Amino acid sequence: MRIGRPVRVAFAGVAHSHPFADAENLRARGARLLSLWDPDDPAAANEFRRRFGVAARPDLDALLEERPDVVVATVRTPRAAHVSRVCTRARIPAFFNKTVAADERGLECWSTAAGAPRFTTSVLRFAPALLELARELRDVRVRAVDIVAQHDISAFLQPGRRWQDDPRGAGGTLVNIGIHAWEMLDVLLPGARARVLSATATKGTVPTASELLATVHAEVGETALAVTVSGVAGPDCYAVRALTDDGLRHVRLGTDPPALGYHGAADGILRLARTREPAVAESRTRAVYDNALAAARVARDAEACAAPSPPHQIGEHNGSASV
């Protein structure tokens, strides 16, 4: 991009609330908001255009014809790989709000696009308190880490948002919310790849297609790891407890946008536009998603095994069990 002019930003999708925060923060930093393409959520798209004064574009190609300096992509998860391919083919950098994959195949499709820089992350990666904790842990022996990611899923059970609760959509609670926990782990232990030892999940009494609550026990090398991914009713909670040879350290993130990392995410998007340098290396994104998907697979397999088997049907004529 030409030095001295505002960064020009286009938006691909408003599938959830994050692009509204991104637009506010980017505009406050002097960026020029160009246009929006959204294939799924007309009400949210109309509100976004009204609030930010951007033009509507009929498709992704039309959005990219303006040659923005960066695209902020927030499409429903099954569309993420296609948007990634189109943006990289056009050689336009892109930032993707979570989630970009709900399974290993989707992650592979998103990851294999090449031709322009892009990155995806939870905003929590940029939370100041989490970054400070990571600095404190840099030179000490970490023996155990406990992580909690709690976000009420009741909104995801409404008709227009159920794709986020669907394991085939945004990945359900263990991926859609769990990604926050695994991003926090990656900040504290960069590139950590967890060996999942056990995991359990429950649907509780809510009509979820995925899970209400899950606990995961794992290890990263010699570091023990416990992760709680929760969608129960109540306020958000993102917290980390690290046990080290030097003592116990605990952080619970604040609830305002700067404390959650939204400002840092906007800075990362602008840096991507100006320098074409992603804020998160692809190898670390792969580790984050591999951990989240492995935890979801183990927990859901355990839940399926624990489910009661249907009673055998006895054949009417010969007394044998039906098959």
Protein backbone atom coordinates (compact mmCIF):
# COMPACT_ATOMS: atom_id res chain seq x y z
CA MET A 1 0.00 0.00 0.00
CA ARG A 2 1.09 3.60 -0.53
CA ILE A 3 2.71 5.08 2.57
CA GLY A 4 0.83 8.01 4.08
CA ARG A 5 -2.73 7.19 3.03
CA PRO A 6 -5.32 5.50 5.27
CA VAL A 7 -5.56 1.72 5.25
CA ARG A 8 -8.51 0.66 3.10
CA VAL A 9 -10.56 -2.15 4.64
CA ALA A 10 -13.26 -4.33 3.08
CA PHE A 11 -15.48 -6.71 5.05
CA ALA A 12 -16.42 -10.22 3.93
CA GLY A 13 -19.31 -11.30 6.13
CA VAL A 14 -20.88 -10.23 9.41
CA ALA A 15 -21.70 -13.69 10.71
CA HIS A 16 -21.34 -12.61 14.33
CA SER A 17 -20.55 -9.53 16.43
CA HIS A 18 -16.77 -9.31 16.02
CA PRO A 19 -16.64 -7.35 12.73
CA PHE A 20 -18.72 -4.60 14.33
CA ALA A 21 -16.03 -4.20 16.99
CA ASP A 22 -13.29 -4.48 14.36
CA ALA A 23 -14.87 -1.73 12.27
CA GLU A 24 -15.18 0.59 15.28
CA ASN A 25 -11.57 0.06 16.29
CA LEU A 26 -10.16 0.29 12.76
CA ARG A 27 -12.06 3.49 12.04
CA ALA A 28 -10.81 4.96 15.33
CA ARG A 29 -7.28 4.24 14.11
CA GLY A 30 -7.81 6.13 10.86
CA ALA A 31 -8.69 3.27 8.52
CA ARG A 32 -11.10 3.85 5.64
CA LEU A 33 -13.99 1.37 5.60
CA LEU A 34 -14.95 0.56 2.02
CA SER A 35 -17.66 -2.03 1.54
CA LEU A 36 -19.33 -5.24 2.69
CA TRP A 37 -20.30 -8.52 1.10
CA ASP A 38 -22.40 -10.88 3.21
CA PRO A 39 -24.14 -14.00 1.87
CA ASP A 40 -26.07 -15.17 4.94
CA ASP A 41 -27.22 -12.48 7.36
CA PRO A 42 -29.17 -9.66 5.65
CA ALA A 43 -30.38 -8.03 8.87
CA ALA A 44 -26.87 -7.86 10.33
CA ALA A 45 -25.50 -6.66 6.98
CA ASN A 46 -28.05 -3.85 6.81
CA GLU A 47 -27.19 -2.77 10.34
CA PHE A 48 -23.45 -2.85 9.57
CA ARG A 49 -23.90 -0.74 6.42
CA ARG A 50 -26.11 1.72 8.29
CA ARG A 51 -23.70 2.08 11.20
CA PHE A 52 -20.50 2.39 9.21
CA GLY A 53 -21.67 3.88 5.91
CA VAL A 54 -20.12 1.21 3.72
CA ALA A 55 -21.37 0.11 0.31
CA ALA A 56 -22.93 -3.28 -0.38
CA ARG A 57 -21.27 -5.62 -2.86
CA PRO A 58 -23.15 -8.49 -4.54
CA ASP A 59 -20.35 -11.06 -4.30
CA LEU A 60 -16.82 -11.59 -3.09
CA ASP A 61 -15.23 -10.86 -6.46
CA ALA A 62 -16.94 -7.47 -6.57
CA LEU A 63 -15.67 -6.74 -3.06
CA LEU A 64 -12.10 -7.49 -4.09
CA GLU A 65 -12.29 -5.45 -7.30
CA GLU A 66 -11.82 -2.36 -5.13
CA ARG A 67 -8.37 -3.70 -4.22
CA PRO A 68 -8.62 -3.12 -0.47
CA ASP A 69 -5.42 -3.20 1.55
CA VAL A 70 -6.91 -5.87 3.80
CA VAL A 71 -10.10 -7.91 4.13
CA VAL A 72 -11.72 -8.63 7.50
CA ALA A 73 -13.51 -11.94 6.96
CA THR A 74 -16.28 -13.09 9.29
CA VAL A 75 -18.24 -15.63 7.30
CA ARG A 76 -19.98 -18.71 8.57
CA THR A 77 -17.30 -21.32 9.16
CA PRO A 78 -18.04 -23.60 6.16
CA ARG A 79 -17.38 -20.61 3.84
CA ALA A 80 -14.00 -19.69 5.36
CA ALA A 81 -11.85 -21.89 3.12
CA HIS A 82 -13.46 -20.50 -0.05
CA VAL A 83 -12.98 -16.90 1.08
CA SER A 84 -9.37 -17.68 1.94
CA ARG A 85 -8.72 -19.13 -1.51
CA VAL A 86 -10.33 -16.18 -3.32
CA CYS A 87 -8.46 -13.57 -1.26
CA THR A 88 -5.11 -15.28 -1.68
CA ARG A 89 -5.70 -15.73 -5.41
CA ALA A 90 -6.30 -11.97 -5.61
CA ARG A 91 -3.17 -11.46 -3.46
CA ILE A 92 -5.09 -9.41 -0.91
CA PRO A 93 -4.21 -9.93 2.78
CA ALA A 94 -7.03 -11.10 5.02
CA PHE A 95 -7.79 -11.43 8.70
CA PHE A 96 -10.32 -14.11 9.66
CA ASN A 97 -12.39 -13.94 12.80
CA LYS A 98 -12.97 -17.31 14.44
CA THR A 99 -13.74 -20.02 13.55
CA VAL A 100 -12.20 -21.03 10.21
CA ALA A 101 -12.71 -24.78 10.50
CA ALA A 102 -14.92 -27.24 12.35
CA ASP A 103 -12.95 -30.37 11.43
CA GLU A 104 -9.57 -31.47 10.10
CA ARG A 105 -10.66 -31.37 6.46
CA GLY A 106 -11.90 -27.79 6.80
CA LEU A 107 -8.65 -26.77 8.48
CA GLU A 108 -6.62 -28.31 5.69
CA CYS A 109 -8.70 -26.50 3.05
CA TRP A 110 -8.29 -23.15 4.84
CA SER A 111 -4.57 -23.68 5.41
CA THR A 112 -3.56 -24.71 1.90
CA ALA A 113 -4.53 -21.41 0.26
CA ALA A 114 -1.35 -19.58 -0.77
CA GLY A 115 -0.56 -16.32 -2.53
CA ALA A 116 -1.21 -13.63 0.08
CA PRO A 117 -0.66 -13.36 3.84
CA ARG A 118 -3.54 -13.99 6.21
CA PHE A 119 -4.11 -15.00 9.78
CA THR A 120 -6.86 -15.98 12.17
CA THR A 121 -7.03 -15.82 15.93
CA SER A 122 -9.21 -15.26 18.95
CA VAL A 123 -8.97 -11.67 20.10
CA LEU A 124 -7.90 -13.02 23.49
CA ARG A 125 -4.43 -13.57 22.06
CA PHE A 126 -3.96 -9.80 22.35
CA ALA A 127 -5.38 -9.41 25.87
CA PRO A 128 -2.85 -7.27 27.80
CA ALA A 129 -3.13 -9.27 31.04
CA LEU A 130 -2.54 -12.54 29.17
CA LEU A 131 0.49 -11.10 27.38
CA GLU A 132 1.89 -9.91 30.72
CA LEU A 133 1.43 -13.39 32.20
CA ALA A 134 3.25 -14.88 29.21
CA ARG A 135 6.19 -12.57 29.88
CA GLU A 136 6.24 -13.65 33.54
CA LEU A 137 6.30 -17.32 32.55
CA ARG A 138 9.00 -16.97 29.92
CA ASP A 139 11.90 -17.92 32.20
CA VAL A 140 10.24 -20.17 34.77
CA ARG A 141 9.34 -23.85 34.80
CA VAL A 142 5.60 -24.25 34.25
CA ARG A 143 4.33 -27.41 35.93
CA ALA A 144 0.60 -27.13 35.28
CA VAL A 145 -1.88 -24.84 33.55
CA ASP A 146 -5.64 -24.57 34.16
CA ILE A 147 -7.71 -22.65 31.61
CA VAL A 148 -11.38 -21.65 31.69
CA ALA A 149 -13.27 -20.33 28.65
CA GLN A 150 -16.90 -19.55 29.50
CA HIS A 151 -19.41 -17.91 27.17
CA ASP A 152 -23.18 -18.33 27.51
CA ILE A 153 -24.41 -20.28 24.45
CA SER A 154 -28.08 -19.31 24.78
CA ALA A 155 -27.77 -16.90 21.83
CA PHE A 156 -26.35 -19.72 19.71
CA LEU A 157 -29.54 -21.72 20.25
CA GLN A 158 -31.70 -19.13 18.49
CA PRO A 159 -32.79 -19.93 14.89
CA GLY A 160 -30.45 -17.48 13.16
CA ARG A 161 -27.42 -18.48 15.20
CA ARG A 162 -27.71 -22.26 15.47
CA TRP A 163 -24.91 -22.74 12.94
CA GLN A 164 -22.51 -21.74 15.75
CA ASP A 165 -23.82 -24.53 17.99
CA ASP A 166 -23.65 -27.09 15.16
CA PRO A 167 -20.51 -29.30 15.23
CA ARG A 168 -20.59 -29.16 11.42
CA GLY A 169 -21.09 -25.37 11.45
CA ALA A 170 -18.77 -23.37 13.69
CA GLY A 171 -17.76 -26.54 15.52
CA GLY A 172 -20.13 -26.38 18.47
CA THR A 173 -19.16 -25.32 21.97
CA LEU A 174 -15.91 -27.30 22.15
CA VAL A 175 -14.55 -25.57 19.05
CA ASN A 176 -16.47 -22.30 18.77
CA ILE A 177 -15.77 -21.38 22.41
CA GLY A 178 -12.94 -23.81 23.01
CA ILE A 179 -10.76 -22.04 20.46
CA HIS A 180 -10.41 -19.20 23.00
CA ALA A 181 -8.89 -21.59 25.55
CA TRP A 182 -6.41 -23.06 23.10
CA GLU A 183 -5.39 -19.61 21.84
CA MET A 184 -4.67 -18.61 25.45
CA LEU A 185 -2.53 -21.73 25.85
CA ASP A 186 -0.58 -20.84 22.71
CA VAL A 187 0.19 -17.38 24.11
CA LEU A 188 1.59 -18.92 27.30
CA LEU A 189 3.31 -21.90 25.69
CA PRO A 190 3.99 -20.90 22.07
CA GLY A 191 3.30 -23.66 19.55
CA ALA A 192 2.09 -26.04 22.28
CA ARG A 193 0.69 -29.30 20.98
CA ALA A 194 -1.36 -31.05 23.62
CA ARG A 195 -1.71 -34.79 24.08
CA VAL A 196 -5.32 -35.21 25.14
CA LEU A 197 -5.53 -37.81 27.90
CA SER A 198 -9.26 -37.64 28.60
CA ALA A 199 -12.24 -35.40 28.00
CA THR A 200 -15.88 -35.38 28.99
CA ALA A 201 -18.83 -33.36 27.79
CA THR A 202 -22.46 -32.89 28.75
CA LYS A 203 -25.45 -31.34 27.04
CA GLY A 204 -27.11 -30.57 30.36
CA THR A 205 -30.78 -29.71 29.95
CA VAL A 206 -30.41 -27.23 27.09
CA PRO A 207 -31.34 -28.06 23.46
CA THR A 208 -27.76 -27.91 22.18
CA ALA A 209 -26.54 -29.84 19.15
CA SER A 210 -23.04 -29.94 20.62
CA GLU A 211 -22.38 -29.57 24.36
CA LEU A 212 -23.08 -27.25 27.26
CA LEU A 213 -19.91 -27.97 29.19
CA ALA A 214 -16.72 -29.95 28.68
CA THR A 215 -13.56 -30.67 30.63
CA VAL A 216 -10.30 -31.73 29.05
CA HIS A 217 -7.20 -33.20 30.67
CA ALA A 218 -4.03 -33.17 28.60
CA GLU A 219 -0.30 -32.69 28.76
CA VAL A 220 2.17 -30.56 26.87
CA GLY A 221 5.52 -32.23 27.36
CA GLU A 222 5.85 -32.44 31.16
CA THR A 223 3.26 -29.71 31.79
CA ALA A 224 -0.16 -30.89 32.98
CA LEU A 225 -3.11 -29.14 31.42
CA ALA A 226 -6.76 -28.84 32.44
CA VAL A 227 -9.21 -26.99 30.19
CA THR A 228 -12.83 -26.16 30.96
CA VAL A 229 -14.97 -25.05 28.01
CA SER A 230 -18.34 -23.81 29.17
CA GLY A 231 -21.50 -22.41 27.66
CA VAL A 232 -23.58 -22.23 30.84
CA ALA A 233 -25.79 -19.25 31.57
CA GLY A 234 -24.14 -16.22 33.07
CA PRO A 235 -21.32 -13.78 32.41
CA ASP A 236 -18.24 -14.51 30.35
CA CYS A 237 -15.13 -15.75 32.11
CA TYR A 238 -11.71 -16.23 30.56
CA ALA A 239 -9.14 -17.22 33.15
CA VAL A 240 -5.75 -18.92 33.48
CA ARG A 241 -3.96 -20.39 36.47
CA ALA A 242 -0.32 -21.39 36.06
CA LEU A 243 1.59 -23.39 38.67
CA THR A 244 5.34 -22.89 38.44
CA ASP A 245 8.45 -23.69 40.46
CA ASP A 246 8.30 -20.05 41.59
CA GLY A 247 4.68 -20.15 42.73
CA LEU A 248 1.12 -19.70 41.54
CA ARG A 249 0.08 -17.09 38.99
CA HIS A 250 -3.54 -16.36 38.13
CA VAL A 251 -5.20 -14.09 35.58
CA ARG A 252 -8.88 -13.46 34.91
CA LEU A 253 -9.37 -11.21 31.89
CA GLY A 254 -11.51 -8.12 32.18
CA THR A 255 -14.75 -7.82 30.25
CA ASP A 256 -14.27 -4.52 28.39
CA PRO A 257 -13.04 -4.62 24.76
CA PRO A 258 -9.45 -3.43 25.43
CA ALA A 259 -9.00 -6.00 28.22
CA LEU A 260 -10.28 -8.77 25.93
CA GLY A 261 -7.78 -7.88 23.19
CA TYR A 262 -9.98 -6.17 20.61
CA HIS A 263 -7.64 -3.17 20.33
CA GLY A 264 -4.64 -5.43 19.83
CA ALA A 265 -6.52 -7.33 17.13
CA ALA A 266 -7.19 -4.06 15.26
CA ASP A 267 -3.51 -3.19 15.49
CA GLY A 268 -2.64 -6.61 14.07
CA ILE A 269 -5.04 -6.12 11.14
CA LEU A 270 -3.47 -2.75 10.30
CA ARG A 271 0.02 -4.20 10.56
CA LEU A 272 -1.00 -6.97 8.16
CA ALA A 273 -2.22 -4.35 5.67
CA ARG A 274 0.89 -2.17 5.96
CA THR A 275 3.64 -4.78 6.16
CA ARG A 276 1.94 -7.98 4.89
CA GLU A 277 3.20 -9.67 8.05
CA PRO A 278 0.62 -11.87 9.85
CA ALA A 279 0.33 -11.40 13.59
CA VAL A 280 0.12 -15.19 14.07
CA ALA A 281 2.28 -17.75 12.27
CA GLU A 282 0.34 -20.42 10.43
CA SER A 283 2.16 -23.17 12.36
CA ARG A 284 0.75 -21.80 15.60
CA THR A 285 -2.75 -21.56 14.15
CA ARG A 286 -2.46 -25.20 13.12
CA ALA A 287 -1.42 -26.13 16.66
CA VAL A 288 -4.35 -24.21 18.16
CA TYR A 289 -6.90 -25.85 15.88
CA ASP A 290 -5.33 -29.30 16.13
CA ASN A 291 -5.65 -29.05 19.92
CA ALA A 292 -9.26 -27.83 19.80
CA LEU A 293 -10.34 -30.46 17.29
CA ALA A 294 -8.60 -33.27 19.17
CA ALA A 295 -10.28 -32.25 22.43
CA ALA A 296 -13.68 -32.12 20.73
CA ARG A 297 -13.18 -35.52 19.12
CA VAL A 298 -12.15 -37.22 22.38
CA ALA A 299 -14.97 -35.64 24.40
CA ARG A 300 -17.65 -36.44 21.84
CA ASP A 301 -16.40 -39.99 21.36
CA ALA A 302 -16.55 -40.48 25.13
CA GLU A 303 -20.09 -39.06 25.25
CA ALA A 304 -21.19 -41.35 22.42
CA CYS A 305 -19.74 -44.40 24.20
CA ALA A 306 -21.47 -43.45 27.45
CA ALA A 307 -24.88 -43.07 25.81
CA PRO A 308 -27.24 -45.97 26.63
CA SER A 309 -27.67 -48.48 23.84
CA PRO A 310 -31.15 -48.94 22.40
CA PRO A 311 -32.85 -52.15 23.52
CA HIS A 312 -32.52 -55.16 21.23
CA GLN A 313 -35.61 -55.94 19.19
CA ILE A 314 -36.73 -59.54 19.33
CA GLY A 315 -37.78 -61.10 16.05
CA GLU A 316 -41.48 -61.90 15.88
CA HIS A 317 -41.15 -65.28 14.18
CA ASN A 318 -37.96 -67.02 15.25
CA GLY A 319 -37.02 -65.43 18.56
CA SER A 320 -33.67 -64.18 17.23
CA ALA A 321 -32.36 -60.65 17.76
CA SER A 322 -32.91 -58.36 14.81
CA VAL A 323 -29.81 -56.96 13.05
